[in-house]
């Protein structure tokens, strides 16, 4: 997706009454982990491993590229940073109501 709307990692700023704030501001709650490096290599800079910066999002912004970490939110928890329970979506290997996989 080129927008953060509907993403389970999006945590939107709320008003005092609990509604979405008109500013459209929010934060991406995805926790990025840097891959392990071979013993012969190291990361440049002071942070070991490096830490990504930023994470601020806006409901009004459309990005140029699709986000590789976009994940659908649970509709009842949308905007809270909670992800969909994938076991309820009929993922391969998960039995359906009839017990079939």
PDB file of N, CA and C in Angstrom:
ATOM      1  N   UNK A   1       0.838  -1.179   0.000  1.00  0.00           N
ATOM      2  CA  UNK A   1       0.000   0.000   0.000  1.00  0.00           C
ATOM      3  C   UNK A   1       0.884   1.244   0.000  1.00  0.00           C
ATOM      4  N   UNK A   2       0.407   2.278  -0.645  1.00  0.00           N
ATOM      5  CA  UNK A   2       1.142   3.535  -0.691  1.00  0.00           C
ATOM      6  C   UNK A   2       0.665   4.509   0.375  1.00  0.00           C
ATOM      7  N   UNK A   3      -0.233   4.063   1.231  1.00  0.00           N
ATOM      8  CA  UNK A   3      -0.721   4.868   2.337  1.00  0.00           C
ATOM      9  C   UNK A   3      -0.779   3.982   3.578  1.00  0.00           C
ATOM     10  N   UNK A   4      -0.778   4.585   4.743  1.00  0.00           N
ATOM     11  CA  UNK A   4      -0.792   3.820   5.991  1.00  0.00           C
ATOM     12  C   UNK A   4      -2.207   3.538   6.485  1.00  0.00           C
ATOM     13  N   UNK A   5      -3.220   4.012   5.777  1.00  0.00           N
ATOM     14  CA  UNK A   5      -4.610   3.774   6.174  1.00  0.00           C
ATOM     15  C   UNK A   5      -4.904   2.280   6.166  1.00  0.00           C
ATOM     16  N   UNK A   6      -5.469   1.768   7.241  1.00  0.00           N
ATOM     17  CA  UNK A   6      -5.833   0.361   7.325  1.00  0.00           C
ATOM     18  C   UNK A   6      -4.703  -0.563   7.730  1.00  0.00           C
ATOM     19  N   UNK A   7      -3.516  -0.030   7.958  1.00  0.00           N
ATOM     20  CA  UNK A   7      -2.373  -0.857   8.334  1.00  0.00           C
ATOM     21  C   UNK A   7      -2.417  -1.159   9.824  1.00  0.00           C
ATOM     22  N   UNK A   8      -2.115  -2.388  10.187  1.00  0.00           N
ATOM     23  CA  UNK A   8      -2.103  -2.797  11.581  1.00  0.00           C
ATOM     24  C   UNK A   8      -0.972  -2.188  12.392  1.00  0.00           C
ATOM     25  N   UNK A   9       0.056  -1.672  11.738  1.00  0.00           N
ATOM     26  CA  UNK A   9       1.164  -1.033  12.433  1.00  0.00           C
ATOM     27  C   UNK A   9       0.918   0.454  12.664  1.00  0.00           C
ATOM     28  N   UNK A  10      -0.133   1.011  12.065  1.00  0.00           N
ATOM     29  CA  UNK A  10      -0.423   2.437  12.207  1.00  0.00           C
ATOM     30  C   UNK A  10      -1.110   2.715  13.536  1.00  0.00           C
ATOM     31  N   UNK A  11      -0.558   3.651  14.273  1.00  0.00           N
ATOM     32  CA  UNK A  11      -1.153   4.090  15.526  1.00  0.00           C
ATOM     33  C   UNK A  11      -1.437   5.581  15.376  1.00  0.00           C
ATOM     34  N   UNK A  12      -2.708   5.931  15.228  1.00  0.00           N
ATOM     35  CA  UNK A  12      -3.103   7.300  14.897  1.00  0.00           C
ATOM     36  C   UNK A  12      -3.327   8.147  16.143  1.00  0.00           C
ATOM     37  N   UNK A  13      -2.990   9.423  16.018  1.00  0.00           N
ATOM     38  CA  UNK A  13      -3.224  10.391  17.092  1.00  0.00           C
ATOM     39  C   UNK A  13      -4.731  10.546  17.277  1.00  0.00           C
ATOM     40  N   UNK A  14      -5.192  10.580  18.529  1.00  0.00           N
ATOM     41  CA  UNK A  14      -6.632  10.661  18.832  1.00  0.00           C
ATOM     42  C   UNK A  14      -6.950  11.955  19.573  1.00  0.00           C
ATOM     43  N   UNK A  15      -8.210  12.362  19.507  1.00  0.00           N
ATOM     44  CA  UNK A  15      -8.683  13.502  20.276  1.00  0.00           C
ATOM     45  C   UNK A  15      -9.002  13.032  21.690  1.00  0.00           C
ATOM     46  N   UNK A  16      -9.375  13.950  22.569  1.00  0.00           N
ATOM     47  CA  UNK A  16      -9.721  13.589  23.945  1.00  0.00           C
ATOM     48  C   UNK A  16     -10.934  12.670  23.994  1.00  0.00           C
ATOM     49  N   UNK A  17     -11.802  12.743  22.980  1.00  0.00           N
ATOM     50  CA  UNK A  17     -12.996  11.897  22.954  1.00  0.00           C
ATOM     51  C   UNK A  17     -12.737  10.547  22.299  1.00  0.00           C
ATOM     52  N   UNK A  18     -11.500  10.304  21.820  1.00  0.00           N
ATOM     53  CA  UNK A  18     -11.145   9.016  21.245  1.00  0.00           C
ATOM     54  C   UNK A  18     -11.306   8.930  19.738  1.00  0.00           C
ATOM     55  N   UNK A  19     -11.655  10.024  19.096  1.00  0.00           N
ATOM     56  CA  UNK A  19     -11.776  10.020  17.626  1.00  0.00           C
ATOM     57  C   UNK A  19     -10.428  10.327  16.988  1.00  0.00           C
ATOM     58  N   UNK A  20     -10.320  10.026  15.692  1.00  0.00           N
ATOM     59  CA  UNK A  20      -9.087  10.344  14.977  1.00  0.00           C
ATOM     60  C   UNK A  20      -8.873  11.851  14.973  1.00  0.00           C
ATOM     61  N   UNK A  21      -7.648  12.275  15.265  1.00  0.00           N
ATOM     62  CA  UNK A  21      -7.316  13.696  15.300  1.00  0.00           C
ATOM     63  C   UNK A  21      -7.356  14.259  13.885  1.00  0.00           C
ATOM     64  N   UNK A  22      -7.891  15.482  13.703  1.00  0.00           N
ATOM     65  CA  UNK A  22      -7.980  16.068  12.352  1.00  0.00           C
ATOM     66  C   UNK A  22      -6.623  16.291  11.683  1.00  0.00           C
ATOM     67  N   UNK A  23      -5.545  16.336  12.458  1.00  0.00           N
ATOM     68  CA  UNK A  23      -4.219  16.551  11.873  1.00  0.00           C
ATOM     69  C   UNK A  23      -3.798  15.390  10.985  1.00  0.00           C
ATOM     70  N   UNK A  24      -4.341  14.189  11.248  1.00  0.00           N
ATOM     71  CA  UNK A  24      -3.978  13.010  10.464  1.00  0.00           C
ATOM     72  C   UNK A  24      -2.666  12.386  10.874  1.00  0.00           C
ATOM     73  N   UNK A  25      -2.057  12.867  11.954  1.00  0.00           N
ATOM     74  CA  UNK A  25      -0.749  12.378  12.376  1.00  0.00           C
ATOM     75  C   UNK A  25      -0.842  11.029  13.088  1.00  0.00           C
ATOM     76  N   UNK A  26       0.266  10.308  13.050  1.00  0.00           N
ATOM     77  CA  UNK A  26       0.341   9.024  13.727  1.00  0.00           C
ATOM     78  C   UNK A  26       1.766   8.526  13.759  1.00  0.00           C
ATOM     79  N   UNK A  27       1.936   7.280  14.174  1.00  0.00           N
ATOM     80  CA  UNK A  27       3.258   6.667  14.248  1.00  0.00           C
ATOM     81  C   UNK A  27       3.176   5.230  13.769  1.00  0.00           C
ATOM     82  N   UNK A  28       4.197   4.805  13.036  1.00  0.00           N
ATOM     83  CA  UNK A  28       4.304   3.418  12.601  1.00  0.00           C
ATOM     84  C   UNK A  28       4.934   2.636  13.746  1.00  0.00           C
ATOM     85  N   UNK A  29       4.277   1.568  14.193  1.00  0.00           N
ATOM     86  CA  UNK A  29       4.761   0.793  15.340  1.00  0.00           C
ATOM     87  C   UNK A  29       5.560  -0.439  14.929  1.00  0.00           C
ATOM     88  N   UNK A  30       5.887  -0.571  13.630  1.00  0.00           N
ATOM     89  CA  UNK A  30       6.675  -1.721  13.169  1.00  0.00           C
ATOM     90  C   UNK A  30       8.042  -1.690  13.827  1.00  0.00           C
ATOM     91  N   UNK A  31       8.468  -2.808  14.399  1.00  0.00           N
ATOM     92  CA  UNK A  31       9.775  -2.927  15.052  1.00  0.00           C
ATOM     93  C   UNK A  31      10.747  -3.569  14.080  1.00  0.00           C
ATOM     94  N   UNK A  32      11.617  -2.753  13.492  1.00  0.00           N
ATOM     95  CA  UNK A  32      12.589  -3.235  12.515  1.00  0.00           C
ATOM     96  C   UNK A  32      13.777  -3.842  13.235  1.00  0.00           C
ATOM     97  N   UNK A  33      14.189  -5.006  12.799  1.00  0.00           N
ATOM     98  CA  UNK A  33      15.387  -5.662  13.330  1.00  0.00           C
ATOM     99  C   UNK A  33      16.401  -5.789  12.203  1.00  0.00           C
ATOM    100  N   UNK A  34      17.592  -5.258  12.433  1.00  0.00           N
ATOM    101  CA  UNK A  34      18.647  -5.345  11.428  1.00  0.00           C
ATOM    102  C   UNK A  34      19.117  -6.793  11.316  1.00  0.00           C
ATOM    103  N   UNK A  35      19.425  -7.239  10.105  1.00  0.00           N
ATOM    104  CA  UNK A  35      19.888  -8.624   9.939  1.00  0.00           C
ATOM    105  C   UNK A  35      21.272  -8.820  10.559  1.00  0.00           C
ATOM    106  N   UNK A  36      21.570 -10.037  10.924  1.00  0.00           N
ATOM    107  CA  UNK A  36      22.883 -10.359  11.480  1.00  0.00           C
ATOM    108  C   UNK A  36      23.936 -10.277  10.381  1.00  0.00           C
ATOM    109  N   UNK A  37      25.124  -9.829  10.737  1.00  0.00           N
ATOM    110  CA  UNK A  37      26.234  -9.735   9.785  1.00  0.00           C
ATOM    111  C   UNK A  37      27.263 -10.823  10.070  1.00  0.00           C
ATOM    112  N   UNK A  38      28.003 -11.201   9.054  1.00  0.00           N
ATOM    113  CA  UNK A  38      29.109 -12.135   9.302  1.00  0.00           C
ATOM    114  C   UNK A  38      30.120 -11.499  10.264  1.00  0.00           C
ATOM    115  N   UNK A  39      30.906 -12.318  10.941  1.00  0.00           N
ATOM    116  CA  UNK A  39      31.893 -11.808  11.899  1.00  0.00           C
ATOM    117  C   UNK A  39      32.907 -10.871  11.256  1.00  0.00           C
ATOM    118  N   UNK A  40      33.122 -11.005   9.960  1.00  0.00           N
ATOM    119  CA  UNK A  40      34.126 -10.186   9.279  1.00  0.00           C
ATOM    120  C   UNK A  40      33.609  -8.800   8.908  1.00  0.00           C
ATOM    121  N   UNK A  41      32.319  -8.525   9.157  1.00  0.00           N
ATOM    122  CA  UNK A  41      31.738  -7.236   8.775  1.00  0.00           C
ATOM    123  C   UNK A  41      31.179  -6.519   9.996  1.00  0.00           C
ATOM    124  N   UNK A  42      30.950  -5.210   9.844  1.00  0.00           N
ATOM    125  CA  UNK A  42      30.356  -4.428  10.917  1.00  0.00           C
ATOM    126  C   UNK A  42      29.527  -3.285  10.329  1.00  0.00           C
ATOM    127  N   UNK A  43      28.631  -2.741  11.146  1.00  0.00           N
ATOM    128  CA  UNK A  43      27.833  -1.590  10.737  1.00  0.00           C
ATOM    129  C   UNK A  43      28.631  -0.315  11.003  1.00  0.00           C
ATOM    130  N   UNK A  44      28.467   0.683  10.135  1.00  0.00           N
ATOM    131  CA  UNK A  44      29.123   1.974  10.330  1.00  0.00           C
ATOM    132  C   UNK A  44      28.257   2.822  11.248  1.00  0.00           C
ATOM    133  N   UNK A  45      28.876   3.686  12.029  1.00  0.00           N
ATOM    134  CA  UNK A  45      28.132   4.581  12.900  1.00  0.00           C
ATOM    135  C   UNK A  45      28.192   4.150  14.346  1.00  0.00           C
ATOM    136  N   UNK A  46      27.483   4.894  15.201  1.00  0.00           N
ATOM    137  CA  UNK A  46      27.534   4.660  16.641  1.00  0.00           C
ATOM    138  C   UNK A  46      26.576   3.589  17.128  1.00  0.00           C
ATOM    139  N   UNK A  47      25.499   3.356  16.426  1.00  0.00           N
ATOM    140  CA  UNK A  47      24.490   2.403  16.895  1.00  0.00           C
ATOM    141  C   UNK A  47      24.829   0.992  16.412  1.00  0.00           C
ATOM    142  N   UNK A  48      24.874   0.059  17.309  1.00  0.00           N
ATOM    143  CA  UNK A  48      25.161  -1.330  16.976  1.00  0.00           C
ATOM    144  C   UNK A  48      24.055  -2.218  17.507  1.00  0.00           C
ATOM    145  N   UNK A  49      23.213  -2.840  16.747  1.00  0.00           N
ATOM    146  CA  UNK A  49      23.035  -2.634  15.314  1.00  0.00           C
ATOM    147  C   UNK A  49      22.345  -1.304  15.035  1.00  0.00           C
ATOM    148  N   UNK A  50      22.365  -0.866  13.778  1.00  0.00           N
ATOM    149  CA  UNK A  50      21.768   0.431  13.453  1.00  0.00           C
ATOM    150  C   UNK A  50      20.271   0.454  13.755  1.00  0.00           C
ATOM    151  N   UNK A  51      19.811   1.614  14.119  1.00  0.00           N
ATOM    152  CA  UNK A  51      18.410   1.820  14.490  1.00  0.00           C
ATOM    153  C   UNK A  51      17.752   2.715  13.451  1.00  0.00           C
ATOM    154  N   UNK A  52      16.600   2.332  12.915  1.00  0.00           N
ATOM    155  CA  UNK A  52      15.948   3.217  11.934  1.00  0.00           C
ATOM    156  C   UNK A  52      15.412   4.468  12.618  1.00  0.00           C
ATOM    157  N   UNK A  53      15.374   5.560  11.888  1.00  0.00           N
ATOM    158  CA  UNK A  53      14.879   6.827  12.413  1.00  0.00           C
ATOM    159  C   UNK A  53      13.525   7.138  11.781  1.00  0.00           C
ATOM    160  N   UNK A  54      12.773   8.006  12.403  1.00  0.00           N
ATOM    161  CA  UNK A  54      11.484   8.431  11.840  1.00  0.00           C
ATOM    162  C   UNK A  54      10.345   7.591  12.367  1.00  0.00           C
ATOM    163  N   UNK A  55       9.462   7.192  11.477  1.00  0.00           N
ATOM    164  CA  UNK A  55       8.304   6.398  11.860  1.00  0.00           C
ATOM    165  C   UNK A  55       7.025   7.209  11.957  1.00  0.00           C
ATOM    166  N   UNK A  56       7.106   8.534  11.754  1.00  0.00           N
ATOM    167  CA  UNK A  56       5.897   9.352  11.815  1.00  0.00           C
ATOM    168  C   UNK A  56       5.134   9.215  10.515  1.00  0.00           C
ATOM    169  N   UNK A  57       3.827   9.037  10.615  1.00  0.00           N
ATOM    170  CA  UNK A  57       2.977   8.831   9.441  1.00  0.00           C
ATOM    171  C   UNK A  57       1.854   9.852   9.429  1.00  0.00           C
ATOM    172  N   UNK A  58       1.183   9.952   8.289  1.00  0.00           N
ATOM    173  CA  UNK A  58       0.094  10.910   8.121  1.00  0.00           C
ATOM    174  C   UNK A  58      -0.969  10.274   7.240  1.00  0.00           C
ATOM    175  N   UNK A  59      -2.226  10.330   7.695  1.00  0.00           N
ATOM    176  CA  UNK A  59      -3.322   9.735   6.914  1.00  0.00           C
ATOM    177  C   UNK A  59      -3.500  10.430   5.571  1.00  0.00           C
ATOM    178  N   UNK A  60      -3.020  11.658   5.442  1.00  0.00           N
ATOM    179  CA  UNK A  60      -3.217  12.436   4.213  1.00  0.00           C
ATOM    180  C   UNK A  60      -2.085  12.235   3.204  1.00  0.00           C
ATOM    181  N   UNK A  61      -1.029  11.529   3.597  1.00  0.00           N
ATOM    182  CA  UNK A  61       0.149  11.375   2.739  1.00  0.00           C
ATOM    183  C   UNK A  61       0.091  10.082   1.929  1.00  0.00           C
ATOM    184  N   UNK A  62       0.429  10.177   0.645  1.00  0.00           N
ATOM    185  CA  UNK A  62       0.536   9.001  -0.221  1.00  0.00           C
ATOM    186  C   UNK A  62       2.005   8.881  -0.625  1.00  0.00           C
ATOM    187  N   UNK A  63       2.616   7.737  -0.346  1.00  0.00           N
ATOM    188  CA  UNK A  63       4.024   7.515  -0.652  1.00  0.00           C
ATOM    189  C   UNK A  63       4.219   7.132  -2.115  1.00  0.00           C
ATOM    190  N   UNK A  64       5.440   7.284  -2.595  1.00  0.00           N
ATOM    191  CA  UNK A  64       5.752   6.954  -3.991  1.00  0.00           C
ATOM    192  C   UNK A  64       5.813   5.457  -4.219  1.00  0.00           C
ATOM    193  N   UNK A  65       6.213   4.707  -3.202  1.00  0.00           N
ATOM    194  CA  UNK A  65       6.336   3.254  -3.340  1.00  0.00           C
ATOM    195  C   UNK A  65       5.457   2.555  -2.308  1.00  0.00           C
ATOM    196  N   UNK A  66       5.184   1.291  -2.550  1.00  0.00           N
ATOM    197  CA  UNK A  66       4.389   0.495  -1.615  1.00  0.00           C
ATOM    198  C   UNK A  66       5.236   0.126  -0.400  1.00  0.00           C
ATOM    199  N   UNK A  67       4.618   0.102   0.778  1.00  0.00           N
ATOM    200  CA  UNK A  67       5.329  -0.270   2.007  1.00  0.00           C
ATOM    201  C   UNK A  67       5.428  -1.799   2.079  1.00  0.00           C
ATOM    202  N   UNK A  68       6.636  -2.332   2.210  1.00  0.00           N
ATOM    203  CA  UNK A  68       6.787  -3.794   2.261  1.00  0.00           C
ATOM    204  C   UNK A  68       6.277  -4.410   3.563  1.00  0.00           C
ATOM    205  N   UNK A  69       6.001  -3.602   4.578  1.00  0.00           N
ATOM    206  CA  UNK A  69       5.568  -4.117   5.871  1.00  0.00           C
ATOM    207  C   UNK A  69       4.087  -3.869   6.136  1.00  0.00           C
ATOM    208  N   UNK A  70       3.361  -3.323   5.167  1.00  0.00           N
ATOM    209  CA  UNK A  70       1.935  -3.037   5.362  1.00  0.00           C
ATOM    210  C   UNK A  70       1.203  -4.334   5.674  1.00  0.00           C
ATOM    211  N   UNK A  71       0.384  -4.311   6.699  1.00  0.00           N
ATOM    212  CA  UNK A  71      -0.350  -5.486   7.150  1.00  0.00           C
ATOM    213  C   UNK A  71      -1.745  -5.035   7.541  1.00  0.00           C
ATOM    214  N   UNK A  72      -2.805  -5.730   7.108  1.00  0.00           N
ATOM    215  CA  UNK A  72      -4.156  -5.274   7.430  1.00  0.00           C
ATOM    216  C   UNK A  72      -4.426  -5.299   8.927  1.00  0.00           C
ATOM    217  N   UNK A  73      -5.162  -4.293   9.377  1.00  0.00           N
ATOM    218  CA  UNK A  73      -5.508  -4.194  10.793  1.00  0.00           C
ATOM    219  C   UNK A  73      -6.791  -4.942  11.080  1.00  0.00           C
ATOM    220  N   UNK A  74      -6.941  -5.385  12.316  1.00  0.00           N
ATOM    221  CA  UNK A  74      -8.198  -5.952  12.770  1.00  0.00           C
ATOM    222  C   UNK A  74      -9.209  -4.807  12.742  1.00  0.00           C
ATOM    223  N   UNK A  75     -10.326  -4.934  12.021  1.00  0.00           N
ATOM    224  CA  UNK A  75     -11.265  -3.816  11.886  1.00  0.00           C
ATOM    225  C   UNK A  75     -11.719  -3.218  13.209  1.00  0.00           C
ATOM    226  N   UNK A  76     -11.860  -4.025  14.250  1.00  0.00           N
ATOM    227  CA  UNK A  76     -12.308  -3.488  15.533  1.00  0.00           C
ATOM    228  C   UNK A  76     -11.193  -2.761  16.277  1.00  0.00           C
ATOM    229  N   UNK A  77      -9.940  -2.985  15.879  1.00  0.00           N
ATOM    230  CA  UNK A  77      -8.803  -2.356  16.544  1.00  0.00           C
ATOM    231  C   UNK A  77      -8.049  -1.406  15.625  1.00  0.00           C
ATOM    232  N   UNK A  78      -8.612  -1.071  14.462  1.00  0.00           N
ATOM    233  CA  UNK A  78      -7.922  -0.259  13.474  1.00  0.00           C
ATOM    234  C   UNK A  78      -7.472   1.068  14.068  1.00  0.00           C
ATOM    235  N   UNK A  79      -6.223   1.419  13.808  1.00  0.00           N
ATOM    236  CA  UNK A  79      -5.657   2.659  14.304  1.00  0.00           C
ATOM    237  C   UNK A  79      -5.048   2.548  15.679  1.00  0.00           C
ATOM    238  N   UNK A  80      -5.015   1.346  16.257  1.00  0.00           N
ATOM    239  CA  UNK A  80      -4.450   1.169  17.592  1.00  0.00           C
ATOM    240  C   UNK A  80      -3.094   0.488  17.556  1.00  0.00           C
ATOM    241  N   UNK A  81      -2.619   0.099  16.374  1.00  0.00           N
ATOM    242  CA  UNK A  81      -1.340  -0.585  16.264  1.00  0.00           C
ATOM    243  C   UNK A  81      -1.443  -2.085  16.474  1.00  0.00           C
ATOM    244  N   UNK A  82      -2.660  -2.655  16.496  1.00  0.00           N
ATOM    245  CA  UNK A  82      -2.849  -4.099  16.664  1.00  0.00           C
ATOM    246  C   UNK A  82      -3.099  -4.741  15.304  1.00  0.00           C
ATOM    247  N   UNK A  83      -2.478  -5.887  15.081  1.00  0.00           N
ATOM    248  CA  UNK A  83      -2.585  -6.579  13.801  1.00  0.00           C
ATOM    249  C   UNK A  83      -3.757  -7.540  13.787  1.00  0.00           C
ATOM    250  N   UNK A  84      -4.118  -7.963  12.583  1.00  0.00           N
ATOM    251  CA  UNK A  84      -5.171  -8.961  12.402  1.00  0.00           C
ATOM    252  C   UNK A  84      -4.681 -10.299  12.920  1.00  0.00           C
ATOM    253  N   UNK A  85      -5.547 -11.059  13.575  1.00  0.00           N
ATOM    254  CA  UNK A  85      -5.228 -12.421  13.985  1.00  0.00           C
ATOM    255  C   UNK A  85      -5.318 -13.293  12.743  1.00  0.00           C
ATOM    256  N   UNK A  86      -4.185 -13.676  12.200  1.00  0.00           N
ATOM    257  CA  UNK A  86      -4.156 -14.405  10.927  1.00  0.00           C
ATOM    258  C   UNK A  86      -4.789 -15.789  11.028  1.00  0.00           C
ATOM    259  N   UNK A  87      -4.960 -16.339  12.210  1.00  0.00           N
ATOM    260  CA  UNK A  87      -5.586 -17.651  12.331  1.00  0.00           C
ATOM    261  C   UNK A  87      -7.067 -17.584  12.001  1.00  0.00           C
ATOM    262  N   UNK A  88      -7.644 -16.400  11.979  1.00  0.00           N
ATOM    263  CA  UNK A  88      -9.058 -16.246  11.664  1.00  0.00           C
ATOM    264  C   UNK A  88      -9.294 -15.959  10.188  1.00  0.00           C
ATOM    265  N   UNK A  89      -8.231 -15.883   9.387  1.00  0.00           N
ATOM    266  CA  UNK A  89      -8.363 -15.501   7.992  1.00  0.00           C
ATOM    267  C   UNK A  89      -8.282 -16.666   7.018  1.00  0.00           C
ATOM    268  N   UNK A  90      -8.314 -17.892   7.492  1.00  0.00           N
ATOM    269  CA  UNK A  90      -8.266 -19.035   6.582  1.00  0.00           C
ATOM    270  C   UNK A  90      -6.902 -19.243   5.959  1.00  0.00           C
ATOM    271  N   UNK A  91      -5.843 -19.035   6.729  1.00  0.00           N
ATOM    272  CA  UNK A  91      -4.485 -19.227   6.242  1.00  0.00           C
ATOM    273  C   UNK A  91      -4.281 -20.712   5.962  1.00  0.00           C
ATOM    274  N   UNK A  92      -3.438 -21.033   4.974  1.00  0.00           N
ATOM    275  CA  UNK A  92      -3.176 -22.419   4.616  1.00  0.00           C
ATOM    276  C   UNK A  92      -2.714 -23.187   5.853  1.00  0.00           C
ATOM    277  N   UNK A  93      -3.315 -24.366   6.076  1.00  0.00           N
ATOM    278  CA  UNK A  93      -2.961 -25.198   7.209  1.00  0.00           C
ATOM    279  C   UNK A  93      -3.809 -24.933   8.438  1.00  0.00           C
ATOM    280  N   UNK A  94      -4.633 -23.900   8.392  1.00  0.00           N
ATOM    281  CA  UNK A  94      -5.521 -23.598   9.514  1.00  0.00           C
ATOM    282  C   UNK A  94      -6.876 -24.211   9.219  1.00  0.00           C
ATOM    283  N   UNK A  95      -7.405 -25.037  10.114  1.00  0.00           N
ATOM    284  CA  UNK A  95      -8.698 -25.662   9.839  1.00  0.00           C
ATOM    285  C   UNK A  95      -9.829 -24.639   9.781  1.00  0.00           C
ATOM    286  N   UNK A  96     -10.757 -24.868   8.840  1.00  0.00           N
ATOM    287  CA  UNK A  96     -11.931 -23.999   8.768  1.00  0.00           C
ATOM    288  C   UNK A  96     -13.010 -24.540   9.705  1.00  0.00           C
ATOM    289  N   UNK A  97     -14.208 -24.018   9.623  1.00  0.00           N
ATOM    290  CA  UNK A  97     -15.286 -24.426  10.533  1.00  0.00           C
ATOM    291  C   UNK A  97     -15.626 -25.903  10.409  1.00  0.00           C
ATOM    292  N   UNK A  98     -15.385 -26.495   9.241  1.00  0.00           N
ATOM    293  CA  UNK A  98     -15.696 -27.911   9.026  1.00  0.00           C
ATOM    294  C   UNK A  98     -14.531 -28.814   9.423  1.00  0.00           C
ATOM    295  N   UNK A  99     -13.425 -28.227   9.859  1.00  0.00           N
ATOM    296  CA  UNK A  99     -12.253 -29.016  10.245  1.00  0.00           C
ATOM    297  C   UNK A  99     -11.321 -29.316   9.090  1.00  0.00           C
ATOM    298  N   UNK A 100     -11.608 -28.729   7.904  1.00  0.00           N
ATOM    299  CA  UNK A 100     -10.748 -28.947   6.742  1.00  0.00           C
ATOM    300  C   UNK A 100      -9.631 -27.926   6.744  1.00  0.00           C
ATOM    301  N   UNK A 101      -8.465 -28.337   6.201  1.00  0.00           N
ATOM    302  CA  UNK A 101      -7.353 -27.407   6.101  1.00  0.00           C
ATOM    303  C   UNK A 101      -7.150 -26.955   4.694  1.00  0.00           C
TER     304      UNK A 101
END
